[in-house]
Amino acid sequence: MEIKDRLQESYIEHVLHHGEQPKTVYLFASENGITEEEFYTHFGSFESIDIRIWKGLMTDAVREVRSQEVWAQYSSREKALSLFYGFMELLKSKRSFITFSLRNAKSKIGLSNLFEGMKQEFELFSAEIIQEGLESGELTDRPFFASKYKDALWIQLGFIINFWLKDTSAGFDKTDEAIEKGVNVTYNLFERSPIDELFEYGKFLAKNSGIKMPF
């Protein structure tokens, strides 16, 4: 195990056993058989370990869902659902640490900083499956809006994480239900709707009847 991974695991164990971050980098480094200076060659702070953990969770979730035999046959919607389910399963397996990490980040570095690495991984994945959906015709390529589809999925993920933190149902079944409903509602907005028909009709009139339209 490389030293970054070893330090990360040791950090998680400390948090789980003590309910707080190590008192100092010096003590934590000593407990792990390295110097404080060596610690800083790998991590700038304990918070940077948290950031790496969250990014790793998303990376692992993406890798896992891509390894499914049926992945190539999935629609864009199914791929999004698969990632959401997979990512939340990883969070469920580390709930005690995840709860601490979120609470600690709110008071120290902010959730946007905590999620910065994870968001990059998520947006790369989202951009890919959305492009697939646009090319296949599953999703509607709306000017100005299609580029924001990945942002809508990111917001949905944030909602699901927050929902899960408050979920007291057995096996967090309500969270699974929230994922299904949330992702499906979001994708319904991405797909063709009567509004698109209306816009196309308006453009047709503007082009062929001389009527000026505000879009």
N, C-alpha and C. Protein backbone atom coordinates (compact mmCIF):
# COMPACT_ATOMS: atom_id res chain seq x y z
N MET A 1 0.85 -1.20 0.00
CA MET A 1 0.00 0.00 0.00
C MET A 1 0.88 1.25 0.00
N GLU A 2 0.64 2.16 -0.94
CA GLU A 2 1.46 3.36 -1.00
C GLU A 2 1.17 4.24 0.21
N ILE A 3 2.11 5.11 0.53
CA ILE A 3 2.03 5.85 1.78
C ILE A 3 0.80 6.75 1.87
N LYS A 4 0.37 7.32 0.73
CA LYS A 4 -0.83 8.16 0.76
C LYS A 4 -2.06 7.36 1.18
N ASP A 5 -2.17 6.16 0.64
CA ASP A 5 -3.29 5.30 1.00
C ASP A 5 -3.20 4.87 2.46
N ARG A 6 -2.00 4.58 2.91
CA ARG A 6 -1.81 4.16 4.30
C ARG A 6 -2.17 5.29 5.27
N LEU A 7 -1.74 6.50 4.96
CA LEU A 7 -2.07 7.64 5.81
C LEU A 7 -3.57 7.92 5.80
N GLN A 8 -4.17 7.75 4.63
CA GLN A 8 -5.62 7.97 4.52
C GLN A 8 -6.39 6.98 5.38
N GLU A 9 -6.02 5.71 5.32
CA GLU A 9 -6.69 4.70 6.13
C GLU A 9 -6.48 4.94 7.61
N SER A 10 -5.29 5.35 7.98
CA SER A 10 -4.99 5.64 9.38
C SER A 10 -5.80 6.84 9.87
N TYR A 11 -5.96 7.82 9.01
CA TYR A 11 -6.75 9.01 9.36
C TYR A 11 -8.21 8.63 9.59
N ILE A 12 -8.76 7.80 8.70
CA ILE A 12 -10.15 7.36 8.85
C ILE A 12 -10.32 6.59 10.16
N GLU A 13 -9.38 5.69 10.46
CA GLU A 13 -9.45 4.92 11.69
C GLU A 13 -9.41 5.82 12.91
N HIS A 14 -8.57 6.84 12.88
CA HIS A 14 -8.49 7.77 14.01
C HIS A 14 -9.82 8.49 14.22
N VAL A 15 -10.39 8.97 13.14
CA VAL A 15 -11.66 9.69 13.23
C VAL A 15 -12.76 8.79 13.79
N LEU A 16 -12.80 7.55 13.31
CA LEU A 16 -13.84 6.63 13.75
C LEU A 16 -13.69 6.26 15.23
N HIS A 17 -12.46 6.16 15.71
CA HIS A 17 -12.23 5.77 17.10
C HIS A 17 -12.31 6.94 18.07
N HIS A 18 -11.99 8.15 17.60
CA HIS A 18 -11.93 9.30 18.51
C HIS A 18 -13.00 10.36 18.24
N GLY A 19 -13.67 10.26 17.09
CA GLY A 19 -14.71 11.23 16.79
C GLY A 19 -14.20 12.61 16.47
N GLU A 20 -12.93 12.71 16.14
CA GLU A 20 -12.32 13.99 15.80
C GLU A 20 -11.05 13.76 15.00
N GLN A 21 -10.56 14.81 14.37
CA GLN A 21 -9.30 14.71 13.66
C GLN A 21 -8.16 14.55 14.68
N PRO A 22 -7.01 14.04 14.24
CA PRO A 22 -5.85 13.99 15.13
C PRO A 22 -5.54 15.38 15.68
N LYS A 23 -5.00 15.43 16.88
CA LYS A 23 -4.73 16.72 17.52
C LYS A 23 -3.76 17.59 16.72
N THR A 24 -2.69 16.96 16.25
CA THR A 24 -1.70 17.70 15.46
C THR A 24 -1.14 16.80 14.37
N VAL A 25 -0.59 17.42 13.34
CA VAL A 25 0.07 16.67 12.28
C VAL A 25 1.28 15.95 12.84
N TYR A 26 2.00 16.58 13.76
CA TYR A 26 3.20 15.98 14.36
C TYR A 26 2.87 14.65 15.02
N LEU A 27 1.84 14.63 15.86
CA LEU A 27 1.47 13.41 16.55
C LEU A 27 0.99 12.33 15.58
N PHE A 28 0.19 12.75 14.60
CA PHE A 28 -0.33 11.79 13.62
C PHE A 28 0.81 11.19 12.81
N ALA A 29 1.75 12.02 12.39
CA ALA A 29 2.88 11.53 11.62
C ALA A 29 3.72 10.55 12.44
N SER A 30 3.96 10.89 13.70
CA SER A 30 4.75 10.02 14.58
C SER A 30 4.09 8.67 14.76
N GLU A 31 2.77 8.67 14.93
CA GLU A 31 2.03 7.42 15.11
C GLU A 31 2.11 6.54 13.86
N ASN A 32 2.39 7.16 12.72
CA ASN A 32 2.47 6.41 11.47
C ASN A 32 3.90 6.21 10.99
N GLY A 33 4.85 6.48 11.87
CA GLY A 33 6.25 6.19 11.57
C GLY A 33 6.91 7.08 10.55
N ILE A 34 6.39 8.31 10.40
CA ILE A 34 7.02 9.27 9.49
C ILE A 34 7.21 10.60 10.21
N THR A 35 7.95 11.49 9.59
CA THR A 35 8.15 12.81 10.18
C THR A 35 7.04 13.75 9.74
N GLU A 36 6.89 14.85 10.46
CA GLU A 36 5.90 15.85 10.09
C GLU A 36 6.21 16.39 8.69
N GLU A 37 7.49 16.58 8.40
CA GLU A 37 7.89 17.08 7.09
C GLU A 37 7.47 16.12 5.98
N GLU A 38 7.59 14.82 6.24
CA GLU A 38 7.21 13.84 5.24
C GLU A 38 5.70 13.85 5.01
N PHE A 39 4.94 14.05 6.09
CA PHE A 39 3.49 14.14 5.93
C PHE A 39 3.14 15.24 4.94
N TYR A 40 3.78 16.39 5.08
CA TYR A 40 3.45 17.54 4.24
C TYR A 40 3.90 17.37 2.78
N THR A 41 4.72 16.37 2.51
CA THR A 41 5.05 16.10 1.11
C THR A 41 3.92 15.36 0.42
N HIS A 42 3.00 14.83 1.21
CA HIS A 42 1.87 14.08 0.66
C HIS A 42 0.54 14.80 0.81
N PHE A 43 0.35 15.48 1.92
CA PHE A 43 -0.90 16.19 2.19
C PHE A 43 -0.60 17.55 2.82
N GLY A 44 -1.37 18.55 2.40
CA GLY A 44 -1.17 19.88 2.95
C GLY A 44 -1.85 20.08 4.29
N SER A 45 -2.81 19.22 4.60
CA SER A 45 -3.58 19.32 5.84
C SER A 45 -4.43 18.07 5.98
N PHE A 46 -5.08 17.93 7.12
CA PHE A 46 -6.02 16.82 7.29
C PHE A 46 -7.21 16.99 6.34
N GLU A 47 -7.58 18.23 6.09
CA GLU A 47 -8.71 18.49 5.18
C GLU A 47 -8.40 18.00 3.76
N SER A 48 -7.13 18.07 3.38
CA SER A 48 -6.78 17.59 2.03
C SER A 48 -6.93 16.07 1.94
N ILE A 49 -6.83 15.38 3.08
CA ILE A 49 -7.09 13.94 3.08
C ILE A 49 -8.57 13.70 2.82
N ASP A 50 -9.42 14.50 3.47
CA ASP A 50 -10.87 14.38 3.25
C ASP A 50 -11.21 14.59 1.78
N ILE A 51 -10.61 15.60 1.16
CA ILE A 51 -10.88 15.89 -0.25
C ILE A 51 -10.49 14.70 -1.12
N ARG A 52 -9.35 14.09 -0.81
CA ARG A 52 -8.89 12.92 -1.57
C ARG A 52 -9.84 11.74 -1.38
N ILE A 53 -10.35 11.58 -0.16
CA ILE A 53 -11.28 10.48 0.11
C ILE A 53 -12.54 10.61 -0.73
N TRP A 54 -13.12 11.81 -0.77
CA TRP A 54 -14.35 12.02 -1.53
C TRP A 54 -14.11 11.83 -3.02
N LYS A 55 -13.00 12.32 -3.52
CA LYS A 55 -12.69 12.11 -4.94
C LYS A 55 -12.54 10.62 -5.22
N GLY A 56 -11.87 9.92 -4.31
CA GLY A 56 -11.66 8.48 -4.48
C GLY A 56 -12.96 7.71 -4.50
N LEU A 57 -13.92 8.13 -3.67
CA LEU A 57 -15.22 7.46 -3.64
C LEU A 57 -15.92 7.58 -5.00
N MET A 58 -15.85 8.76 -5.60
CA MET A 58 -16.48 8.94 -6.90
C MET A 58 -15.73 8.17 -7.98
N THR A 59 -14.40 8.20 -7.92
CA THR A 59 -13.60 7.45 -8.89
C THR A 59 -13.92 5.97 -8.82
N ASP A 60 -14.02 5.44 -7.60
CA ASP A 60 -14.32 4.02 -7.41
C ASP A 60 -15.73 3.68 -7.93
N ALA A 61 -16.68 4.58 -7.68
CA ALA A 61 -18.05 4.34 -8.13
C ALA A 61 -18.12 4.30 -9.65
N VAL A 62 -17.45 5.25 -10.30
CA VAL A 62 -17.44 5.29 -11.76
C VAL A 62 -16.79 4.03 -12.33
N ARG A 63 -15.66 3.64 -11.75
CA ARG A 63 -14.97 2.44 -12.22
C ARG A 63 -15.84 1.21 -12.06
N GLU A 64 -16.54 1.12 -10.93
CA GLU A 64 -17.36 -0.05 -10.66
C GLU A 64 -18.54 -0.17 -11.63
N VAL A 65 -19.23 0.95 -11.88
CA VAL A 65 -20.39 0.86 -12.77
C VAL A 65 -19.96 0.61 -14.21
N ARG A 66 -18.82 1.13 -14.60
CA ARG A 66 -18.33 0.91 -15.96
C ARG A 66 -17.96 -0.57 -16.18
N SER A 67 -17.65 -1.27 -15.12
CA SER A 67 -17.23 -2.67 -15.24
C SER A 67 -18.41 -3.63 -15.42
N GLN A 68 -19.62 -3.13 -15.30
CA GLN A 68 -20.80 -3.98 -15.44
C GLN A 68 -20.92 -4.48 -16.88
N GLU A 69 -21.27 -5.74 -17.03
CA GLU A 69 -21.34 -6.34 -18.37
C GLU A 69 -22.37 -5.65 -19.26
N VAL A 70 -23.42 -5.14 -18.65
CA VAL A 70 -24.50 -4.52 -19.45
C VAL A 70 -24.28 -3.03 -19.67
N TRP A 71 -23.14 -2.51 -19.24
CA TRP A 71 -22.92 -1.07 -19.29
C TRP A 71 -23.11 -0.49 -20.68
N ALA A 72 -22.56 -1.16 -21.67
CA ALA A 72 -22.62 -0.64 -23.05
C ALA A 72 -24.05 -0.57 -23.58
N GLN A 73 -24.95 -1.38 -23.01
CA GLN A 73 -26.34 -1.38 -23.48
C GLN A 73 -27.22 -0.37 -22.74
N TYR A 74 -26.68 0.22 -21.69
CA TYR A 74 -27.46 1.16 -20.89
C TYR A 74 -27.72 2.46 -21.65
N SER A 75 -28.89 3.04 -21.41
CA SER A 75 -29.17 4.39 -21.91
C SER A 75 -28.46 5.38 -21.02
N SER A 76 -28.46 6.64 -21.41
CA SER A 76 -27.86 7.68 -20.59
C SER A 76 -28.52 7.75 -19.22
N ARG A 77 -29.83 7.66 -19.20
CA ARG A 77 -30.59 7.69 -17.94
C ARG A 77 -30.18 6.51 -17.03
N GLU A 78 -30.07 5.33 -17.62
CA GLU A 78 -29.71 4.14 -16.84
C GLU A 78 -28.29 4.25 -16.29
N LYS A 79 -27.40 4.86 -17.05
CA LYS A 79 -26.04 5.04 -16.58
C LYS A 79 -25.99 6.01 -15.41
N ALA A 80 -26.79 7.06 -15.48
CA ALA A 80 -26.85 8.02 -14.38
C ALA A 80 -27.40 7.36 -13.12
N LEU A 81 -28.47 6.61 -13.28
CA LEU A 81 -29.05 5.90 -12.14
C LEU A 81 -28.06 4.93 -11.53
N SER A 82 -27.34 4.21 -12.38
CA SER A 82 -26.36 3.24 -11.91
C SER A 82 -25.27 3.91 -11.08
N LEU A 83 -24.79 5.06 -11.54
CA LEU A 83 -23.75 5.76 -10.78
C LEU A 83 -24.29 6.27 -9.46
N PHE A 84 -25.46 6.84 -9.47
CA PHE A 84 -26.05 7.36 -8.22
C PHE A 84 -26.19 6.24 -7.20
N TYR A 85 -26.74 5.11 -7.63
CA TYR A 85 -26.90 3.98 -6.72
C TYR A 85 -25.54 3.49 -6.22
N GLY A 86 -24.59 3.35 -7.14
CA GLY A 86 -23.27 2.84 -6.78
C GLY A 86 -22.54 3.76 -5.82
N PHE A 87 -22.61 5.06 -6.08
CA PHE A 87 -21.93 6.02 -5.22
C PHE A 87 -22.53 6.04 -3.82
N MET A 88 -23.85 6.01 -3.75
CA MET A 88 -24.51 6.04 -2.45
C MET A 88 -24.26 4.75 -1.66
N GLU A 89 -24.09 3.63 -2.35
CA GLU A 89 -23.75 2.39 -1.65
C GLU A 89 -22.38 2.52 -0.98
N LEU A 90 -21.44 3.17 -1.65
CA LEU A 90 -20.12 3.40 -1.06
C LEU A 90 -20.23 4.30 0.16
N LEU A 91 -21.06 5.33 0.07
CA LEU A 91 -21.25 6.22 1.21
C LEU A 91 -21.89 5.49 2.38
N LYS A 92 -22.85 4.62 2.09
CA LYS A 92 -23.51 3.86 3.15
C LYS A 92 -22.51 3.00 3.91
N SER A 93 -21.53 2.47 3.21
CA SER A 93 -20.54 1.60 3.86
C SER A 93 -19.59 2.37 4.76
N LYS A 94 -19.59 3.71 4.64
CA LYS A 94 -18.70 4.55 5.45
C LYS A 94 -19.49 5.67 6.13
N ARG A 95 -20.72 5.38 6.50
CA ARG A 95 -21.62 6.44 6.97
C ARG A 95 -21.05 7.23 8.16
N SER A 96 -20.48 6.56 9.14
CA SER A 96 -19.97 7.26 10.32
C SER A 96 -18.90 8.27 9.94
N PHE A 97 -17.96 7.83 9.08
CA PHE A 97 -16.91 8.76 8.66
C PHE A 97 -17.47 9.86 7.78
N ILE A 98 -18.35 9.51 6.85
CA ILE A 98 -18.93 10.50 5.94
C ILE A 98 -19.66 11.59 6.72
N THR A 99 -20.42 11.19 7.73
CA THR A 99 -21.14 12.16 8.55
C THR A 99 -20.18 13.13 9.22
N PHE A 100 -19.09 12.58 9.77
CA PHE A 100 -18.08 13.43 10.40
C PHE A 100 -17.44 14.37 9.39
N SER A 101 -17.07 13.82 8.24
CA SER A 101 -16.38 14.60 7.21
C SER A 101 -17.22 15.79 6.76
N LEU A 102 -18.50 15.59 6.54
CA LEU A 102 -19.38 16.67 6.10
C LEU A 102 -19.54 17.73 7.19
N ARG A 103 -19.74 17.29 8.41
CA ARG A 103 -19.90 18.22 9.52
C ARG A 103 -18.62 19.04 9.74
N ASN A 104 -17.49 18.38 9.65
CA ASN A 104 -16.21 19.05 9.86
C ASN A 104 -15.92 20.05 8.75
N ALA A 105 -16.23 19.66 7.50
CA ALA A 105 -15.96 20.54 6.36
C ALA A 105 -16.80 21.80 6.42
N LYS A 106 -18.04 21.68 6.87
CA LYS A 106 -18.92 22.84 6.96
C LYS A 106 -18.32 23.92 7.85
N SER A 107 -17.64 23.51 8.92
CA SER A 107 -17.10 24.47 9.87
C SER A 107 -15.68 24.94 9.53
N LYS A 108 -15.01 24.24 8.60
CA LYS A 108 -13.61 24.57 8.34
C LYS A 108 -13.33 25.03 6.90
N ILE A 109 -13.62 24.18 5.93
CA ILE A 109 -13.23 24.52 4.55
C ILE A 109 -14.40 24.72 3.61
N GLY A 110 -15.60 24.37 4.05
CA GLY A 110 -16.77 24.50 3.18
C GLY A 110 -16.96 23.28 2.30
N LEU A 111 -18.20 22.98 2.00
CA LEU A 111 -18.51 21.78 1.22
C LEU A 111 -18.01 21.89 -0.22
N SER A 112 -17.99 23.09 -0.77
CA SER A 112 -17.52 23.23 -2.16
C SER A 112 -16.05 22.82 -2.27
N ASN A 113 -15.25 23.15 -1.27
CA ASN A 113 -13.85 22.73 -1.28
C ASN A 113 -13.71 21.23 -1.04
N LEU A 114 -14.52 20.71 -0.13
CA LEU A 114 -14.48 19.27 0.15
C LEU A 114 -14.80 18.47 -1.10
N PHE A 115 -15.72 18.95 -1.90
CA PHE A 115 -16.20 18.21 -3.06
C PHE A 115 -15.46 18.53 -4.36
N GLU A 116 -14.44 19.38 -4.30
CA GLU A 116 -13.85 19.86 -5.54
C GLU A 116 -13.31 18.73 -6.43
N GLY A 117 -12.59 17.78 -5.84
CA GLY A 117 -12.07 16.67 -6.62
C GLY A 117 -13.17 15.74 -7.07
N MET A 118 -14.11 15.46 -6.19
CA MET A 118 -15.23 14.60 -6.53
C MET A 118 -16.06 15.20 -7.65
N LYS A 119 -16.27 16.50 -7.61
CA LYS A 119 -17.08 17.16 -8.63
C LYS A 119 -16.43 17.05 -10.00
N GLN A 120 -15.11 17.17 -10.06
CA GLN A 120 -14.41 17.04 -11.34
C GLN A 120 -14.65 15.67 -11.95
N GLU A 121 -14.54 14.63 -11.11
CA GLU A 121 -14.78 13.27 -11.58
C GLU A 121 -16.23 13.09 -12.04
N PHE A 122 -17.15 13.63 -11.26
CA PHE A 122 -18.57 13.50 -11.57
C PHE A 122 -18.92 14.22 -12.86
N GLU A 123 -18.36 15.41 -13.06
CA GLU A 123 -18.69 16.18 -14.26
C GLU A 123 -18.13 15.54 -15.52
N LEU A 124 -16.96 14.92 -15.42
CA LEU A 124 -16.41 14.21 -16.58
C LEU A 124 -17.33 13.06 -16.97
N PHE A 125 -17.79 12.33 -15.97
CA PHE A 125 -18.71 11.22 -16.22
C PHE A 125 -20.03 11.74 -16.79
N SER A 126 -20.58 12.77 -16.16
CA SER A 126 -21.87 13.31 -16.59
C SER A 126 -21.81 13.85 -18.02
N ALA A 127 -20.74 14.57 -18.33
CA ALA A 127 -20.60 15.14 -19.66
C ALA A 127 -20.58 14.02 -20.72
N GLU A 128 -19.94 12.92 -20.39
CA GLU A 128 -19.85 11.80 -21.33
C GLU A 128 -21.21 11.15 -21.59
N ILE A 129 -21.94 10.84 -20.51
CA ILE A 129 -23.22 10.14 -20.71
C ILE A 129 -24.28 11.08 -21.28
N ILE A 130 -24.17 12.37 -20.99
CA ILE A 130 -25.11 13.33 -21.57
C ILE A 130 -24.86 13.47 -23.07
N GLN A 131 -23.58 13.53 -23.45
CA GLN A 131 -23.25 13.61 -24.88
C GLN A 131 -23.76 12.38 -25.62
N GLU A 132 -23.63 11.22 -24.99
CA GLU A 132 -24.16 10.00 -25.59
C GLU A 132 -25.68 10.12 -25.79
N GLY A 133 -26.35 10.67 -24.78
CA GLY A 133 -27.80 10.83 -24.86
C GLY A 133 -28.21 11.82 -25.94
N LEU A 134 -27.42 12.87 -26.11
CA LEU A 134 -27.71 13.86 -27.15
C LEU A 134 -27.52 13.26 -28.53
N GLU A 135 -26.45 12.48 -28.69
CA GLU A 135 -26.15 11.89 -29.99
C GLU A 135 -27.16 10.82 -30.37
N SER A 136 -27.67 10.10 -29.38
CA SER A 136 -28.64 9.04 -29.67
C SER A 136 -30.05 9.57 -29.83
N GLY A 137 -30.28 10.82 -29.44
CA GLY A 137 -31.62 11.39 -29.52
C GLY A 137 -32.44 11.16 -28.26
N GLU A 138 -31.83 10.48 -27.28
CA GLU A 138 -32.53 10.26 -26.01
C GLU A 138 -32.79 11.59 -25.31
N LEU A 139 -31.84 12.51 -25.42
CA LEU A 139 -31.97 13.82 -24.79
C LEU A 139 -32.11 14.90 -25.86
N THR A 140 -32.74 16.00 -25.49
CA THR A 140 -32.96 17.10 -26.42
C THR A 140 -31.82 18.09 -26.34
N ASP A 141 -31.25 18.41 -27.49
CA ASP A 141 -30.12 19.35 -27.55
C ASP A 141 -30.66 20.78 -27.64
N ARG A 142 -30.94 21.35 -26.48
CA ARG A 142 -31.50 22.71 -26.43
C ARG A 142 -30.37 23.74 -26.38
N PRO A 143 -30.42 24.77 -27.23
CA PRO A 143 -29.41 25.83 -27.18
C PRO A 143 -29.38 26.46 -25.79
N PHE A 144 -28.18 26.70 -25.29
CA PHE A 144 -27.92 27.35 -24.01
C PHE A 144 -28.22 26.44 -22.80
N PHE A 145 -29.10 25.48 -22.94
CA PHE A 145 -29.51 24.67 -21.78
C PHE A 145 -28.81 23.31 -21.72
N ALA A 146 -28.54 22.72 -22.86
CA ALA A 146 -27.95 21.38 -22.87
C ALA A 146 -26.61 21.35 -22.13
N SER A 147 -25.86 22.44 -22.22
CA SER A 147 -24.57 22.50 -21.54
C SER A 147 -24.71 22.53 -20.03
N LYS A 148 -25.93 22.78 -19.55
CA LYS A 148 -26.18 22.86 -18.10
C LYS A 148 -26.75 21.56 -17.54
N TYR A 149 -26.96 20.56 -18.39
CA TYR A 149 -27.53 19.30 -17.92
C TYR A 149 -26.68 18.67 -16.82
N LYS A 150 -25.36 18.73 -17.00
CA LYS A 150 -24.48 18.12 -16.00
C LYS A 150 -24.58 18.84 -14.67
N ASP A 151 -24.85 20.15 -14.70
CA ASP A 151 -25.02 20.92 -13.47
C ASP A 151 -26.29 20.48 -12.73
N ALA A 152 -27.32 20.16 -13.51
CA ALA A 152 -28.57 19.69 -12.90
C ALA A 152 -28.36 18.35 -12.21
N LEU A 153 -27.54 17.49 -12.80
CA LEU A 153 -27.25 16.20 -12.18
C LEU A 153 -26.43 16.38 -10.92
N TRP A 154 -25.51 17.34 -10.93
CA TRP A 154 -24.69 17.62 -9.75
C TRP A 154 -25.56 18.11 -8.59
N ILE A 155 -26.49 18.99 -8.90
CA ILE A 155 -27.41 19.50 -7.88
C ILE A 155 -28.26 18.35 -7.34
N GLN A 156 -28.66 17.45 -8.22
CA GLN A 156 -29.46 16.30 -7.79
C GLN A 156 -28.66 15.41 -6.85
N LEU A 157 -27.38 15.23 -7.14
CA LEU A 157 -26.53 14.42 -6.26
C LEU A 157 -26.42 15.05 -4.88
N GLY A 158 -26.26 16.36 -4.83
CA GLY A 158 -26.20 17.06 -3.55
C GLY A 158 -27.48 16.88 -2.75
N PHE A 159 -28.60 16.93 -3.44
CA PHE A 159 -29.88 16.72 -2.77
C PHE A 159 -29.97 15.31 -2.19
N ILE A 160 -29.52 14.32 -2.96
CA ILE A 160 -29.58 12.92 -2.51
C ILE A 160 -28.70 12.70 -1.29
N ILE A 161 -27.50 13.27 -1.29
CA ILE A 161 -26.61 13.12 -0.14
C ILE A 161 -27.25 13.71 1.11
N ASN A 162 -27.83 14.89 0.97
CA ASN A 162 -28.49 15.54 2.10
C ASN A 162 -29.70 14.72 2.58
N PHE A 163 -30.44 14.16 1.63
CA PHE A 163 -31.59 13.33 1.98
C PHE A 163 -31.14 12.10 2.76
N TRP A 164 -30.08 11.48 2.30
CA TRP A 164 -29.55 10.26 2.93
C TRP A 164 -29.10 10.52 4.37
N LEU A 165 -28.51 11.67 4.61
CA LEU A 165 -28.05 12.00 5.96
C LEU A 165 -29.21 12.04 6.96
N LYS A 166 -30.39 12.37 6.46
CA LYS A 166 -31.56 12.46 7.34
C LYS A 166 -32.44 11.22 7.27
N ASP A 167 -32.07 10.27 6.43
CA ASP A 167 -32.89 9.07 6.21
C ASP A 167 -32.74 8.10 7.39
N THR A 168 -33.85 7.75 8.00
CA THR A 168 -33.84 6.80 9.11
C THR A 168 -34.53 5.49 8.75
N SER A 169 -34.84 5.29 7.48
CA SER A 169 -35.51 4.06 7.06
C SER A 169 -34.54 2.89 7.08
N ALA A 170 -35.07 1.68 7.28
CA ALA A 170 -34.23 0.47 7.32
C ALA A 170 -33.52 0.29 5.98
N GLY A 171 -32.19 0.11 6.07
CA GLY A 171 -31.42 -0.06 4.84
C GLY A 171 -31.37 1.16 3.97
N PHE A 172 -31.82 2.28 4.51
CA PHE A 172 -31.89 3.55 3.76
C PHE A 172 -32.68 3.38 2.46
N ASP A 173 -33.77 2.62 2.58
CA ASP A 173 -34.61 2.36 1.41
C ASP A 173 -35.20 3.64 0.83
N LYS A 174 -35.50 4.60 1.68
CA LYS A 174 -36.08 5.86 1.20
C LYS A 174 -35.09 6.60 0.31
N THR A 175 -33.81 6.45 0.60
CA THR A 175 -32.79 7.10 -0.23
C THR A 175 -32.78 6.50 -1.63
N ASP A 176 -32.90 5.17 -1.70
CA ASP A 176 -32.97 4.51 -3.02
C ASP A 176 -34.18 5.01 -3.81
N GLU A 177 -35.27 5.20 -3.10
CA GLU A 177 -36.48 5.72 -3.75
C GLU A 177 -36.27 7.15 -4.23
N ALA A 178 -35.57 7.94 -3.40
CA ALA A 178 -35.29 9.33 -3.78
C ALA A 178 -34.39 9.39 -5.01
N ILE A 179 -33.45 8.47 -5.10
CA ILE A 179 -32.58 8.43 -6.27
C ILE A 179 -33.39 8.15 -7.53
N GLU A 180 -34.23 7.13 -7.45
CA GLU A 180 -35.04 6.77 -8.62
C GLU A 180 -35.92 7.92 -9.07
N LYS A 181 -36.63 8.52 -8.12
CA LYS A 181 -37.53 9.62 -8.47
C LYS A 181 -36.76 10.84 -8.93
N GLY A 182 -35.69 11.19 -8.23
CA GLY A 182 -34.93 12.40 -8.55
C GLY A 182 -34.26 12.35 -9.90
N VAL A 183 -33.56 11.25 -10.18
CA VAL A 183 -32.87 11.13 -11.47
C VAL A 183 -33.88 11.06 -12.61
N ASN A 184 -34.97 10.34 -12.41
CA ASN A 184 -35.98 10.24 -13.47
C ASN A 184 -36.64 11.58 -13.76
N VAL A 185 -36.95 12.35 -12.72
CA VAL A 185 -37.53 13.68 -12.93
C VAL A 185 -36.54 14.57 -13.69
N THR A 186 -35.27 14.51 -13.29
CA THR A 186 -34.24 15.33 -13.95
C THR A 186 -34.12 14.95 -15.42
N TYR A 187 -34.08 13.66 -15.70
CA TYR A 187 -33.95 13.21 -17.09
C TYR A 187 -35.20 13.52 -17.91
N ASN A 188 -36.35 13.51 -17.26
CA ASN A 188 -37.58 13.89 -17.98
C ASN A 188 -37.48 15.32 -18.48
N LEU A 189 -36.80 16.16 -17.72
CA LEU A 189 -36.62 17.55 -18.13
C LEU A 189 -35.64 17.67 -19.29
N PHE A 190 -34.70 16.70 -19.37
CA PHE A 190 -33.72 16.71 -20.45
C PHE A 190 -34.33 16.23 -21.78
N GLU A 191 -35.39 15.47 -21.70
CA GLU A 191 -35.96 14.87 -22.90
C GLU A 191 -36.93 15.83 -23.60
N ARG A 192 -37.33 15.44 -24.77
CA ARG A 192 -38.22 16.28 -25.57
C ARG A 192 -39.57 16.44 -24.88
N SER A 193 -40.10 17.65 -24.92
CA SER A 193 -41.38 17.95 -24.26
C SER A 193 -42.24 18.83 -25.16
N PRO A 194 -43.49 19.05 -24.80
CA PRO A 194 -44.35 19.95 -25.59
C PRO A 194 -43.76 21.35 -25.73
N ILE A 195 -42.96 21.78 -24.77
CA ILE A 195 -42.33 23.10 -24.85
C ILE A 195 -41.41 23.16 -26.06
N ASP A 196 -40.68 22.06 -26.30
CA ASP A 196 -39.79 22.03 -27.47
C ASP A 196 -40.58 22.13 -28.76
N GLU A 197 -41.75 21.49 -28.79
CA GLU A 197 -42.61 21.59 -29.96
C GLU A 197 -43.06 23.03 -30.18
N LEU A 198 -43.36 23.71 -29.08
CA LEU A 198 -43.80 25.09 -29.16
C LEU A 198 -42.69 25.99 -29.69
N PHE A 199 -41.47 25.80 -29.20
CA PHE A 199 -40.35 26.61 -29.67
C PHE A 199 -40.10 26.36 -31.17
N GLU A 200 -40.16 25.11 -31.59
CA GLU A 200 -39.93 24.81 -32.99
C GLU A 200 -41.01 25.42 -33.88
N TYR A 201 -42.24 25.40 -33.38
CA TYR A 201 -43.35 26.00 -34.13
C TYR A 201 -43.14 27.51 -34.24
N GLY A 202 -42.70 28.12 -33.15
CA GLY A 202 -42.44 29.55 -33.16
C GLY A 202 -41.35 29.92 -34.15
N LYS A 203 -40.30 29.11 -34.19
CA LYS A 203 -39.20 29.36 -35.13
C LYS A 203 -39.68 29.19 -36.57
N PHE A 204 -40.54 28.21 -36.77
CA PHE A 204 -41.09 27.99 -38.11
C PHE A 204 -41.88 29.20 -38.57
N LEU A 205 -42.72 29.72 -37.66
CA LEU A 205 -43.52 30.90 -38.00
C LEU A 205 -42.62 32.10 -38.28
N ALA A 206 -41.60 32.28 -37.46
CA ALA A 206 -40.70 33.42 -37.64
C ALA A 206 -39.99 33.34 -39.00
N LYS A 207 -39.65 32.14 -39.40
CA LYS A 207 -38.90 31.96 -40.62
C LYS A 207 -39.78 32.08 -41.86
N ASN A 208 -41.02 31.62 -41.74
CA ASN A 208 -41.86 31.51 -42.93
C ASN A 208 -43.02 32.51 -43.02
N SER A 209 -43.27 33.26 -41.94
CA SER A 209 -44.40 34.18 -42.01
C SER A 209 -44.01 35.62 -41.71
N GLY A 210 -42.75 35.84 -41.40
CA GLY A 210 -42.30 37.19 -41.12
C GLY A 210 -42.62 37.64 -39.70
N ILE A 211 -43.21 36.78 -38.89
CA ILE A 211 -43.50 37.12 -37.49
C ILE A 211 -42.20 37.08 -36.69
N LYS A 212 -41.90 38.14 -35.96
CA LYS A 212 -40.70 38.20 -35.16
C LYS A 212 -40.94 37.54 -33.80
N MET A 213 -40.04 36.61 -33.46
CA MET A 213 -40.15 35.90 -32.19
C MET A 213 -39.03 36.37 -31.25
N PRO A 214 -39.26 36.37 -29.95
CA PRO A 214 -38.24 36.85 -28.98
C PRO A 214 -37.17 35.82 -28.67
N PHE A 215 -36.92 34.84 -29.55
CA PHE A 215 -35.87 33.85 -29.29
C PHE A 215 -35.30 33.35 -30.62
